[in-house]
Amino acid sequence: MSGKPKLLFVAGEGDVLPPSIGSAFEIAEVHNPLRALAKIGREEYDGIYVAAKHFSEALRLGRLLENDRILEGMPDAMALLDS
């Protein structure tokens, strides 16, 4: 493993990273935001670069991930209701 920071690149067909970014990071490339979400769950990354055509999908998945983390932080509880 190199000493470079890890970057997850969410790319579409024909998308390429700018050369300055590609040379500064260890790149992991996926071709859709759902695969990116799966990789984020398994591995740690220092950053995510999303191609323009996937940006709106990535925002929705980011909100989903944020909501999931909020729910994980909440204590488990139980409620008993009398009808």
C-alpha atoms as a PDB file:
ATOM      1  CA  MET A   1       0.000   0.000   0.000  1.00  0.00           C
ATOM      2  CA  SER A   2       1.325   3.445  -0.868  1.00  0.00           C
ATOM      3  CA  GLY A   3       1.595   6.372   1.516  1.00  0.00           C
ATOM      4  CA  LYS A   4      -0.878   8.352  -0.587  1.00  0.00           C
ATOM      5  CA  PRO A   5      -4.360   9.215   0.741  1.00  0.00           C
ATOM      6  CA  LYS A   6      -7.173   7.057  -0.647  1.00  0.00           C
ATOM      7  CA  LEU A   7      -9.751   8.630  -2.938  1.00  0.00           C
ATOM      8  CA  LEU A   8     -12.970   7.000  -4.103  1.00  0.00           C
ATOM      9  CA  PHE A   9     -13.809   8.103  -7.652  1.00  0.00           C
ATOM     10  CA  VAL A  10     -17.472   7.707  -8.679  1.00  0.00           C
ATOM     11  CA  ALA A  11     -17.152   7.808 -12.449  1.00  0.00           C
ATOM     12  CA  GLY A  12     -19.415   7.561 -15.446  1.00  0.00           C
ATOM     13  CA  GLU A  13     -18.516   6.243 -18.880  1.00  0.00           C
ATOM     14  CA  GLY A  14     -15.556   8.200 -20.198  1.00  0.00           C
ATOM     15  CA  ASP A  15     -14.998  10.246 -17.025  1.00  0.00           C
ATOM     16  CA  VAL A  16     -11.386  10.779 -16.032  1.00  0.00           C
ATOM     17  CA  LEU A  17      -9.784  12.439 -13.046  1.00  0.00           C
ATOM     18  CA  PRO A  18      -7.665  15.539 -13.586  1.00  0.00           C
ATOM     19  CA  PRO A  19      -3.993  14.445 -13.740  1.00  0.00           C
ATOM     20  CA  SER A  20      -3.031  16.441 -10.647  1.00  0.00           C
ATOM     21  CA  ILE A  21      -5.607  14.545  -8.574  1.00  0.00           C
ATOM     22  CA  GLY A  22      -4.803  11.162 -10.068  1.00  0.00           C
ATOM     23  CA  SER A  23      -1.131  11.457  -9.224  1.00  0.00           C
ATOM     24  CA  ALA A  24      -1.690  12.705  -5.658  1.00  0.00           C
ATOM     25  CA  PHE A  25      -4.053   9.936  -4.476  1.00  0.00           C
ATOM     26  CA  GLU A  26      -4.434   6.189  -4.423  1.00  0.00           C
ATOM     27  CA  ILE A  27      -7.582   5.840  -6.563  1.00  0.00           C
ATOM     28  CA  ALA A  28     -10.422   3.325  -6.206  1.00  0.00           C
ATOM     29  CA  GLU A  29     -12.930   3.689  -9.054  1.00  0.00           C
ATOM     30  CA  VAL A  30     -16.598   2.664  -9.110  1.00  0.00           C
ATOM     31  CA  HIS A  31     -19.203   3.318 -11.763  1.00  0.00           C
ATOM     32  CA  ASN A  32     -22.324   4.025  -9.749  1.00  0.00           C
ATOM     33  CA  PRO A  33     -23.167   5.597  -6.388  1.00  0.00           C
ATOM     34  CA  LEU A  34     -24.613   2.368  -4.921  1.00  0.00           C
ATOM     35  CA  ARG A  35     -21.278   0.614  -5.392  1.00  0.00           C
ATOM     36  CA  ALA A  36     -19.605   3.645  -3.823  1.00  0.00           C
ATOM     37  CA  LEU A  37     -21.850   3.313  -0.789  1.00  0.00           C
ATOM     38  CA  ALA A  38     -20.934  -0.379  -0.467  1.00  0.00           C
ATOM     39  CA  LYS A  39     -17.212   0.411  -0.678  1.00  0.00           C
ATOM     40  CA  ILE A  40     -17.516   3.176   1.919  1.00  0.00           C
ATOM     41  CA  GLY A  41     -19.090   0.647   4.260  1.00  0.00           C
ATOM     42  CA  ARG A  42     -16.167  -1.783   3.864  1.00  0.00           C
ATOM     43  CA  GLU A  43     -13.146   0.509   3.511  1.00  0.00           C
ATOM     44  CA  GLU A  44     -11.950   3.904   4.712  1.00  0.00           C
ATOM     45  CA  TYR A  45     -11.327   6.750   2.270  1.00  0.00           C
ATOM     46  CA  ASP A  46      -9.820  10.180   2.713  1.00  0.00           C
ATOM     47  CA  GLY A  47     -12.099  11.690   0.086  1.00  0.00           C
ATOM     48  CA  ILE A  48     -14.679  11.081  -2.615  1.00  0.00           C
ATOM     49  CA  TYR A  49     -14.640  12.588  -6.102  1.00  0.00           C
ATOM     50  CA  VAL A  50     -17.983  12.341  -7.925  1.00  0.00           C
ATOM     51  CA  ALA A  51     -18.358  12.843 -11.673  1.00  0.00           C
ATOM     52  CA  ALA A  52     -20.943  15.455 -12.639  1.00  0.00           C
ATOM     53  CA  LYS A  53     -23.433  12.946 -14.106  1.00  0.00           C
ATOM     54  CA  HIS A  54     -23.645  11.120 -10.731  1.00  0.00           C
ATOM     55  CA  PHE A  55     -23.715  14.190  -8.507  1.00  0.00           C
ATOM     56  CA  SER A  56     -27.470  14.345  -7.765  1.00  0.00           C
ATOM     57  CA  GLU A  57     -27.550  10.604  -7.005  1.00  0.00           C
ATOM     58  CA  ALA A  58     -24.530  11.003  -4.723  1.00  0.00           C
ATOM     59  CA  LEU A  59     -26.269  13.792  -2.794  1.00  0.00           C
ATOM     60  CA  ARG A  60     -29.294  11.568  -2.161  1.00  0.00           C
ATOM     61  CA  LEU A  61     -27.053   8.710  -1.026  1.00  0.00           C
ATOM     62  CA  GLY A  62     -25.119  11.116   1.198  1.00  0.00           C
ATOM     63  CA  ARG A  63     -28.342  12.111   2.939  1.00  0.00           C
ATOM     64  CA  LEU A  64     -29.246   8.451   3.378  1.00  0.00           C
ATOM     65  CA  LEU A  65     -25.825   7.743   4.904  1.00  0.00           C
ATOM     66  CA  GLU A  66     -26.151  10.741   7.227  1.00  0.00           C
ATOM     67  CA  ASN A  67     -29.600   9.575   8.391  1.00  0.00           C
ATOM     68  CA  ASP A  68     -28.252   6.074   8.974  1.00  0.00           C
ATOM     69  CA  ARG A  69     -25.454   7.429  11.173  1.00  0.00           C
ATOM     70  CA  ILE A  70     -27.940   9.498  13.174  1.00  0.00           C
ATOM     71  CA  LEU A  71     -30.093   6.412  13.770  1.00  0.00           C
ATOM     72  CA  GLU A  72     -27.051   4.362  14.810  1.00  0.00           C
ATOM     73  CA  GLY A  73     -26.206   6.993  17.416  1.00  0.00           C
ATOM     74  CA  MET A  74     -29.659   6.934  18.988  1.00  0.00           C
ATOM     75  CA  PRO A  75     -30.143   4.657  21.980  1.00  0.00           C
ATOM     76  CA  ASP A  76     -32.334   1.611  21.576  1.00  0.00           C
ATOM     77  CA  ALA A  77     -35.686   1.998  23.275  1.00  0.00           C
ATOM     78  CA  MET A  78     -38.925   0.194  23.800  1.00  0.00           C
ATOM     79  CA  ALA A  79     -42.401   1.631  24.177  1.00  0.00           C
ATOM     80  CA  LEU A  80     -45.438  -0.021  25.692  1.00  0.00           C
ATOM     81  CA  LEU A  81     -48.744   1.379  24.548  1.00  0.00           C
ATOM     82  CA  ASP A  82     -52.090   0.682  26.177  1.00  0.00           C
ATOM     83  CA  SER A  83     -55.005   0.686  23.760  1.00  0.00           C
END
